Amino acid sequence: MVEPDHPELSIGYQCRLLSISRSSFYYTPKGETEQNLGLMRLIDGQFLETPFFGVRQMTWHLRSSRDRGPSGAAKARRTGTW
């Protein structure tokens, strides 16, 4: 799409032609942290055993198995299946 080494068209002009922002051209997504991946595995495993758990019950479960670090309702919502 955008050729950074194009001899005549600047990156900004190429982005304008493609209707994308320059920041999205330079953006490199961050991967998930190991802590989040472990937390997601824990949530997935518990969700398969108890699919009726809501956010509050899942948060209680995560807090009772504290080996994963801090975990609140917002974190459970963000990394879970809700």
PDB file of N, CA and C in Angstrom:
ATOM      1  N   MET A   1       0.820  -1.184   0.000  1.00  0.00           N
ATOM      2  CA  MET A   1       0.000   0.000   0.000  1.00  0.00           C
ATOM      3  C   MET A   1       0.869   1.254   0.000  1.00  0.00           C
ATOM      4  N   VAL A   2       1.355   1.634   1.175  1.00  0.00           N
ATOM      5  CA  VAL A   2       2.197   2.825   1.282  1.00  0.00           C
ATOM      6  C   VAL A   2       3.639   2.394   1.110  1.00  0.00           C
ATOM      7  N   GLU A   3       4.319   3.038   0.176  1.00  0.00           N
ATOM      8  CA  GLU A   3       5.730   2.747  -0.055  1.00  0.00           C
ATOM      9  C   GLU A   3       6.566   3.840   0.594  1.00  0.00           C
ATOM     10  N   PRO A   4       7.252   3.534   1.693  1.00  0.00           N
ATOM     11  CA  PRO A   4       8.030   4.568   2.380  1.00  0.00           C
ATOM     12  C   PRO A   4       9.177   5.123   1.540  1.00  0.00           C
ATOM     13  N   ASP A   5       9.700   4.337   0.618  1.00  0.00           N
ATOM     14  CA  ASP A   5      10.850   4.772  -0.182  1.00  0.00           C
ATOM     15  C   ASP A   5      10.456   5.276  -1.565  1.00  0.00           C
ATOM     16  N   HIS A   6       9.208   5.662  -1.754  1.00  0.00           N
ATOM     17  CA  HIS A   6       8.772   6.144  -3.068  1.00  0.00           C
ATOM     18  C   HIS A   6       9.507   7.441  -3.395  1.00  0.00           C
ATOM     19  N   PRO A   7      10.069   7.543  -4.613  1.00  0.00           N
ATOM     20  CA  PRO A   7      10.883   8.718  -4.939  1.00  0.00           C
ATOM     21  C   PRO A   7      10.096  10.021  -5.084  1.00  0.00           C
ATOM     22  N   GLU A   8       8.817   9.959  -5.445  1.00  0.00           N
ATOM     23  CA  GLU A   8       8.074  11.189  -5.727  1.00  0.00           C
ATOM     24  C   GLU A   8       6.976  11.505  -4.704  1.00  0.00           C
ATOM     25  N   LEU A   9       6.376  10.486  -4.130  1.00  0.00           N
ATOM     26  CA  LEU A   9       5.246  10.707  -3.225  1.00  0.00           C
ATOM     27  C   LEU A   9       5.687  10.549  -1.771  1.00  0.00           C
ATOM     28  N   SER A  10       5.402  11.562  -0.983  1.00  0.00           N
ATOM     29  CA  SER A  10       5.740  11.478   0.439  1.00  0.00           C
ATOM     30  C   SER A  10       4.784  10.512   1.139  1.00  0.00           C
ATOM     31  N   ILE A  11       5.171  10.090   2.321  1.00  0.00           N
ATOM     32  CA  ILE A  11       4.325   9.179   3.096  1.00  0.00           C
ATOM     33  C   ILE A  11       3.000   9.857   3.434  1.00  0.00           C
ATOM     34  N   GLY A  12       3.073  11.130   3.804  1.00  0.00           N
ATOM     35  CA  GLY A  12       1.853  11.863   4.132  1.00  0.00           C
ATOM     36  C   GLY A  12       0.890  11.942   2.958  1.00  0.00           C
ATOM     37  N   TYR A  13       1.424  12.193   1.765  1.00  0.00           N
ATOM     38  CA  TYR A  13       0.573  12.294   0.582  1.00  0.00           C
ATOM     39  C   TYR A  13      -0.023  10.930   0.224  1.00  0.00           C
ATOM     40  N   GLN A  14       0.770   9.874   0.341  1.00  0.00           N
ATOM     41  CA  GLN A  14       0.252   8.532   0.067  1.00  0.00           C
ATOM     42  C   GLN A  14      -0.866   8.167   1.051  1.00  0.00           C
ATOM     43  N   CYS A  15      -0.682   8.544   2.303  1.00  0.00           N
ATOM     44  CA  CYS A  15      -1.722   8.271   3.301  1.00  0.00           C
ATOM     45  C   CYS A  15      -2.992   9.051   2.989  1.00  0.00           C
ATOM     46  N   ARG A  16      -2.831  10.298   2.548  1.00  0.00           N
ATOM     47  CA  ARG A  16      -4.004  11.094   2.169  1.00  0.00           C
ATOM     48  C   ARG A  16      -4.730  10.461   0.989  1.00  0.00           C
ATOM     49  N   LEU A  17      -3.986   9.949   0.007  1.00  0.00           N
ATOM     50  CA  LEU A  17      -4.606   9.302  -1.149  1.00  0.00           C
ATOM     51  C   LEU A  17      -5.385   8.044  -0.745  1.00  0.00           C
ATOM     52  N   LEU A  18      -4.878   7.345   0.252  1.00  0.00           N
ATOM     53  CA  LEU A  18      -5.532   6.118   0.712  1.00  0.00           C
ATOM     54  C   LEU A  18      -6.578   6.366   1.795  1.00  0.00           C
ATOM     55  N   SER A  19      -6.723   7.629   2.210  1.00  0.00           N
ATOM     56  CA  SER A  19      -7.672   8.030   3.258  1.00  0.00           C
ATOM     57  C   SER A  19      -7.389   7.330   4.591  1.00  0.00           C
ATOM     58  N   ILE A  20      -6.110   7.233   4.931  1.00  0.00           N
ATOM     59  CA  ILE A  20      -5.732   6.726   6.243  1.00  0.00           C
ATOM     60  C   ILE A  20      -4.867   7.779   6.923  1.00  0.00           C
ATOM     61  N   SER A  21      -4.863   7.771   8.242  1.00  0.00           N
ATOM     62  CA  SER A  21      -4.043   8.745   8.951  1.00  0.00           C
ATOM     63  C   SER A  21      -2.591   8.269   8.972  1.00  0.00           C
ATOM     64  N   ARG A  22      -1.682   9.219   9.051  1.00  0.00           N
ATOM     65  CA  ARG A  22      -0.267   8.857   9.114  1.00  0.00           C
ATOM     66  C   ARG A  22       0.041   8.083  10.381  1.00  0.00           C
ATOM     67  N   SER A  23      -0.643   8.412  11.463  1.00  0.00           N
ATOM     68  CA  SER A  23      -0.379   7.704  12.717  1.00  0.00           C
ATOM     69  C   SER A  23      -0.736   6.224  12.603  1.00  0.00           C
ATOM     70  N   SER A  24      -1.778   5.891  11.843  1.00  0.00           N
ATOM     71  CA  SER A  24      -2.113   4.479  11.669  1.00  0.00           C
ATOM     72  C   SER A  24      -1.079   3.774  10.799  1.00  0.00           C
ATOM     73  N   PHE A  25      -0.397   4.515   9.936  1.00  0.00           N
ATOM     74  CA  PHE A  25       0.678   3.927   9.142  1.00  0.00           C
ATOM     75  C   PHE A  25       1.870   3.574  10.031  1.00  0.00           C
ATOM     76  N   TYR A  26       2.193   4.452  10.980  1.00  0.00           N
ATOM     77  CA  TYR A  26       3.347   4.239  11.845  1.00  0.00           C
ATOM     78  C   TYR A  26       3.041   3.357  13.052  1.00  0.00           C
ATOM     79  N   TYR A  27       1.774   3.096  13.324  1.00  0.00           N
ATOM     80  CA  TYR A  27       1.372   2.349  14.517  1.00  0.00           C
ATOM     81  C   TYR A  27       1.801   0.891  14.417  1.00  0.00           C
ATOM     82  N   THR A  28       2.424   0.385  15.474  1.00  0.00           N
ATOM     83  CA  THR A  28       2.717  -1.043  15.572  1.00  0.00           C
ATOM     84  C   THR A  28       2.013  -1.565  16.825  1.00  0.00           C
ATOM     85  N   PRO A  29       1.091  -2.506  16.666  1.00  0.00           N
ATOM     86  CA  PRO A  29       0.314  -2.970  17.814  1.00  0.00           C
ATOM     87  C   PRO A  29       1.180  -3.705  18.828  1.00  0.00           C
ATOM     88  N   LYS A  30       0.834  -3.527  20.098  1.00  0.00           N
ATOM     89  CA  LYS A  30       1.515  -4.245  21.168  1.00  0.00           C
ATOM     90  C   LYS A  30       0.825  -5.588  21.350  1.00  0.00           C
ATOM     91  N   GLY A  31       1.583  -6.573  21.682  1.00  0.00           N
ATOM     92  CA  GLY A  31       1.010  -7.880  21.970  1.00  0.00           C
ATOM     93  C   GLY A  31       0.494  -7.931  23.400  1.00  0.00           C
ATOM     94  N   GLU A  32      -0.171  -9.001  23.723  1.00  0.00           N
ATOM     95  CA  GLU A  32      -0.666  -9.191  25.084  1.00  0.00           C
ATOM     96  C   GLU A  32       0.492  -9.564  25.999  1.00  0.00           C
ATOM     97  N   THR A  33       0.424  -9.128  27.240  1.00  0.00           N
ATOM     98  CA  THR A  33       1.449  -9.475  28.215  1.00  0.00           C
ATOM     99  C   THR A  33       1.245 -10.916  28.672  1.00  0.00           C
ATOM    100  N   GLU A  34       2.294 -11.499  29.211  1.00  0.00           N
ATOM    101  CA  GLU A  34       2.194 -12.866  29.724  1.00  0.00           C
ATOM    102  C   GLU A  34       1.183 -12.952  30.865  1.00  0.00           C
ATOM    103  N   GLN A  35       1.115 -11.894  31.671  1.00  0.00           N
ATOM    104  CA  GLN A  35       0.156 -11.877  32.777  1.00  0.00           C
ATOM    105  C   GLN A  35      -1.279 -11.916  32.242  1.00  0.00           C
ATOM    106  N   ASN A  36      -1.562 -11.110  31.213  1.00  0.00           N
ATOM    107  CA  ASN A  36      -2.906 -11.115  30.633  1.00  0.00           C
ATOM    108  C   ASN A  36      -3.226 -12.449  29.965  1.00  0.00           C
ATOM    109  N   LEU A  37      -2.244 -13.039  29.273  1.00  0.00           N
ATOM    110  CA  LEU A  37      -2.486 -14.330  28.630  1.00  0.00           C
ATOM    111  C   LEU A  37      -2.793 -15.406  29.671  1.00  0.00           C
ATOM    112  N   GLY A  38      -2.054 -15.385  30.774  1.00  0.00           N
ATOM    113  CA  GLY A  38      -2.332 -16.343  31.846  1.00  0.00           C
ATOM    114  C   GLY A  38      -3.702 -16.133  32.449  1.00  0.00           C
ATOM    115  N   LEU A  39      -4.066 -14.865  32.630  1.00  0.00           N
ATOM    116  CA  LEU A  39      -5.381 -14.542  33.175  1.00  0.00           C
ATOM    117  C   LEU A  39      -6.488 -14.972  32.217  1.00  0.00           C
ATOM    118  N   MET A  40      -6.283 -14.778  30.923  1.00  0.00           N
ATOM    119  CA  MET A  40      -7.284 -15.202  29.942  1.00  0.00           C
ATOM    120  C   MET A  40      -7.437 -16.718  29.932  1.00  0.00           C
ATOM    121  N   ARG A  41      -6.307 -17.450  30.064  1.00  0.00           N
ATOM    122  CA  ARG A  41      -6.391 -18.906  30.137  1.00  0.00           C
ATOM    123  C   ARG A  41      -7.175 -19.350  31.368  1.00  0.00           C
ATOM    124  N   LEU A  42      -6.917 -18.680  32.484  1.00  0.00           N
ATOM    125  CA  LEU A  42      -7.629 -18.998  33.721  1.00  0.00           C
ATOM    126  C   LEU A  42      -9.126 -18.727  33.574  1.00  0.00           C
ATOM    127  N   ILE A  43      -9.476 -17.601  32.971  1.00  0.00           N
ATOM    128  CA  ILE A  43     -10.888 -17.257  32.758  1.00  0.00           C
ATOM    129  C   ILE A  43     -11.539 -18.255  31.812  1.00  0.00           C
ATOM    130  N   ASP A  44     -10.853 -18.598  30.713  1.00  0.00           N
ATOM    131  CA  ASP A  44     -11.418 -19.552  29.759  1.00  0.00           C
ATOM    132  C   ASP A  44     -11.652 -20.914  30.396  1.00  0.00           C
ATOM    133  N   GLY A  45     -10.674 -21.370  31.178  1.00  0.00           N
ATOM    134  CA  GLY A  45     -10.831 -22.664  31.841  1.00  0.00           C
ATOM    135  C   GLY A  45     -12.003 -22.673  32.802  1.00  0.00           C
ATOM    136  N   GLN A  46     -12.123 -21.616  33.591  1.00  0.00           N
ATOM    137  CA  GLN A  46     -13.234 -21.534  34.547  1.00  0.00           C
ATOM    138  C   GLN A  46     -14.562 -21.361  33.821  1.00  0.00           C
ATOM    139  N   PHE A  47     -14.556 -20.613  32.721  1.00  0.00           N
ATOM    140  CA  PHE A  47     -15.793 -20.386  31.970  1.00  0.00           C
ATOM    141  C   PHE A  47     -16.298 -21.685  31.339  1.00  0.00           C
ATOM    142  N   LEU A  48     -15.368 -22.567  30.920  1.00  0.00           N
ATOM    143  CA  LEU A  48     -15.791 -23.856  30.376  1.00  0.00           C
ATOM    144  C   LEU A  48     -16.419 -24.734  31.456  1.00  0.00           C
ATOM    145  N   GLU A  49     -15.914 -24.628  32.686  1.00  0.00           N
ATOM    146  CA  GLU A  49     -16.477 -25.408  33.787  1.00  0.00           C
ATOM    147  C   GLU A  49     -17.800 -24.825  34.279  1.00  0.00           C
ATOM    148  N   THR A  50     -17.879 -23.508  34.352  1.00  0.00           N
ATOM    149  CA  THR A  50     -19.063 -22.834  34.896  1.00  0.00           C
ATOM    150  C   THR A  50     -19.479 -21.702  33.961  1.00  0.00           C
ATOM    151  N   PRO A  51     -20.156 -22.016  32.849  1.00  0.00           N
ATOM    152  CA  PRO A  51     -20.528 -20.971  31.891  1.00  0.00           C
ATOM    153  C   PRO A  51     -21.569 -19.988  32.428  1.00  0.00           C
ATOM    154  N   PHE A  52     -22.177 -20.308  33.566  1.00  0.00           N
ATOM    155  CA  PHE A  52     -23.194 -19.429  34.145  1.00  0.00           C
ATOM    156  C   PHE A  52     -22.590 -18.352  35.026  1.00  0.00           C
ATOM    157  N   PHE A  53     -21.266 -18.371  35.243  1.00  0.00           N
ATOM    158  CA  PHE A  53     -20.622 -17.326  36.042  1.00  0.00           C
ATOM    159  C   PHE A  53     -20.722 -15.992  35.323  1.00  0.00           C
ATOM    160  N   GLY A  54     -21.114 -14.980  36.050  1.00  0.00           N
ATOM    161  CA  GLY A  54     -21.093 -13.624  35.523  1.00  0.00           C
ATOM    162  C   GLY A  54     -19.783 -12.955  35.911  1.00  0.00           C
ATOM    163  N   VAL A  55     -19.727 -11.656  35.699  1.00  0.00           N
ATOM    164  CA  VAL A  55     -18.508 -10.910  36.002  1.00  0.00           C
ATOM    165  C   VAL A  55     -18.199 -10.950  37.492  1.00  0.00           C
ATOM    166  N   ARG A  56     -19.221 -10.806  38.327  1.00  0.00           N
ATOM    167  CA  ARG A  56     -18.975 -10.775  39.775  1.00  0.00           C
ATOM    168  C   ARG A  56     -18.462 -12.111  40.291  1.00  0.00           C
ATOM    169  N   GLN A  57     -19.065 -13.207  39.845  1.00  0.00           N
ATOM    170  CA  GLN A  57     -18.607 -14.518  40.304  1.00  0.00           C
ATOM    171  C   GLN A  57     -17.226 -14.842  39.747  1.00  0.00           C
ATOM    172  N   MET A  58     -16.970 -14.454  38.492  1.00  0.00           N
ATOM    173  CA  MET A  58     -15.659 -14.705  37.906  1.00  0.00           C
ATOM    174  C   MET A  58     -14.599 -13.882  38.627  1.00  0.00           C
ATOM    175  N   THR A  59     -14.930 -12.651  39.000  1.00  0.00           N
ATOM    176  CA  THR A  59     -14.003 -11.813  39.760  1.00  0.00           C
ATOM    177  C   THR A  59     -13.703 -12.451  41.104  1.00  0.00           C
ATOM    178  N   TRP A  60     -14.734 -12.973  41.774  1.00  0.00           N
ATOM    179  CA  TRP A  60     -14.524 -13.651  43.052  1.00  0.00           C
ATOM    180  C   TRP A  60     -13.598 -14.847  42.867  1.00  0.00           C
ATOM    181  N   HIS A  61     -13.814 -15.611  41.800  1.00  0.00           N
ATOM    182  CA  HIS A  61     -12.966 -16.779  41.531  1.00  0.00           C
ATOM    183  C   HIS A  61     -11.522 -16.350  41.277  1.00  0.00           C
ATOM    184  N   LEU A  62     -11.333 -15.295  40.502  1.00  0.00           N
ATOM    185  CA  LEU A  62      -9.976 -14.825  40.207  1.00  0.00           C
ATOM    186  C   LEU A  62      -9.280 -14.332  41.468  1.00  0.00           C
ATOM    187  N   ARG A  63     -10.022 -13.652  42.327  1.00  0.00           N
ATOM    188  CA  ARG A  63      -9.421 -13.153  43.567  1.00  0.00           C
ATOM    189  C   ARG A  63      -9.104 -14.280  44.533  1.00  0.00           C
ATOM    190  N   SER A  64      -9.903 -15.350  44.513  1.00  0.00           N
ATOM    191  CA  SER A  64      -9.640 -16.461  45.428  1.00  0.00           C
ATOM    192  C   SER A  64      -8.439 -17.288  44.969  1.00  0.00           C
ATOM    193  N   SER A  65      -8.128 -17.256  43.693  1.00  0.00           N
ATOM    194  CA  SER A  65      -6.914 -17.917  43.190  1.00  0.00           C
ATOM    195  C   SER A  65      -5.921 -16.827  42.805  1.00  0.00           C
ATOM    196  N   ARG A  66      -5.340 -16.172  43.774  1.00  0.00           N
ATOM    197  CA  ARG A  66      -4.524 -14.965  43.627  1.00  0.00           C
ATOM    198  C   ARG A  66      -3.163 -15.170  42.971  1.00  0.00           C
ATOM    199  N   ASP A  67      -2.859 -16.337  42.457  1.00  0.00           N
ATOM    200  CA  ASP A  67      -1.534 -16.565  41.897  1.00  0.00           C
ATOM    201  C   ASP A  67      -1.285 -15.761  40.620  1.00  0.00           C
ATOM    202  N   ARG A  68      -2.280 -15.100  40.093  1.00  0.00           N
ATOM    203  CA  ARG A  68      -2.135 -14.366  38.839  1.00  0.00           C
ATOM    204  C   ARG A  68      -1.919 -12.870  39.021  1.00  0.00           C
ATOM    205  N   GLY A  69      -1.947 -12.383  40.240  1.00  0.00           N
ATOM    206  CA  GLY A  69      -1.750 -10.961  40.461  1.00  0.00           C
ATOM    207  C   GLY A  69      -3.071 -10.245  40.630  1.00  0.00           C
ATOM    208  N   PRO A  70      -3.061  -8.916  40.544  1.00  0.00           N
ATOM    209  CA  PRO A  70      -4.282  -8.148  40.778  1.00  0.00           C
ATOM    210  C   PRO A  70      -5.332  -8.418  39.709  1.00  0.00           C
ATOM    211  N   SER A  71      -6.568  -8.607  40.145  1.00  0.00           N
ATOM    212  CA  SER A  71      -7.637  -8.847  39.181  1.00  0.00           C
ATOM    213  C   SER A  71      -8.940  -8.335  39.764  1.00  0.00           C
ATOM    214  N   GLY A  72      -9.507  -7.334  39.150  1.00  0.00           N
ATOM    215  CA  GLY A  72     -10.780  -6.785  39.566  1.00  0.00           C
ATOM    216  C   GLY A  72     -11.835  -7.045  38.515  1.00  0.00           C
ATOM    217  N   ALA A  73     -13.006  -6.496  38.724  1.00  0.00           N
ATOM    218  CA  ALA A  73     -14.110  -6.708  37.785  1.00  0.00           C
ATOM    219  C   ALA A  73     -13.802  -6.097  36.424  1.00  0.00           C
ATOM    220  N   ALA A  74     -13.167  -4.925  36.422  1.00  0.00           N
ATOM    221  CA  ALA A  74     -12.850  -4.281  35.144  1.00  0.00           C
ATOM    222  C   ALA A  74     -11.860  -5.125  34.355  1.00  0.00           C
ATOM    223  N   LYS A  75     -10.869  -5.681  35.033  1.00  0.00           N
ATOM    224  CA  LYS A  75      -9.890  -6.534  34.363  1.00  0.00           C
ATOM    225  C   LYS A  75     -10.555  -7.810  33.864  1.00  0.00           C
ATOM    226  N   ALA A  76     -11.478  -8.359  34.635  1.00  0.00           N
ATOM    227  CA  ALA A  76     -12.193  -9.563  34.211  1.00  0.00           C
ATOM    228  C   ALA A  76     -13.030  -9.276  32.974  1.00  0.00           C
ATOM    229  N   ARG A  77     -13.667  -8.112  32.937  1.00  0.00           N
ATOM    230  CA  ARG A  77     -14.453  -7.748  31.751  1.00  0.00           C
ATOM    231  C   ARG A  77     -13.552  -7.558  30.533  1.00  0.00           C
ATOM    232  N   ARG A  78     -12.414  -6.885  30.740  1.00  0.00           N
ATOM    233  CA  ARG A  78     -11.511  -6.584  29.634  1.00  0.00           C
ATOM    234  C   ARG A  78     -10.915  -7.837  29.020  1.00  0.00           C
ATOM    235  N   THR A  79     -10.486  -8.776  29.852  1.00  0.00           N
ATOM    236  CA  THR A  79      -9.779  -9.940  29.337  1.00  0.00           C
ATOM    237  C   THR A  79     -10.672 -11.152  29.164  1.00  0.00           C
ATOM    238  N   GLY A  80     -11.901 -11.102  29.638  1.00  0.00           N
ATOM    239  CA  GLY A  80     -12.789 -12.260  29.588  1.00  0.00           C
ATOM    240  C   GLY A  80     -13.629 -12.313  28.330  1.00  0.00           C
ATOM    241  N   THR A  81     -14.693 -13.055  28.421  1.00  0.00           N
ATOM    242  CA  THR A  81     -15.562 -13.278  27.266  1.00  0.00           C
ATOM    243  C   THR A  81     -16.809 -12.413  27.301  1.00  0.00           C
ATOM    244  N   TRP A  82     -16.848 -11.396  28.186  1.00  0.00           N
ATOM    245  CA  TRP A  82     -18.048 -10.566  28.305  1.00  0.00           C
ATOM    246  C   TRP A  82     -17.974  -9.391  27.398  1.00  0.00           C
TER     247      TRP A  82
END
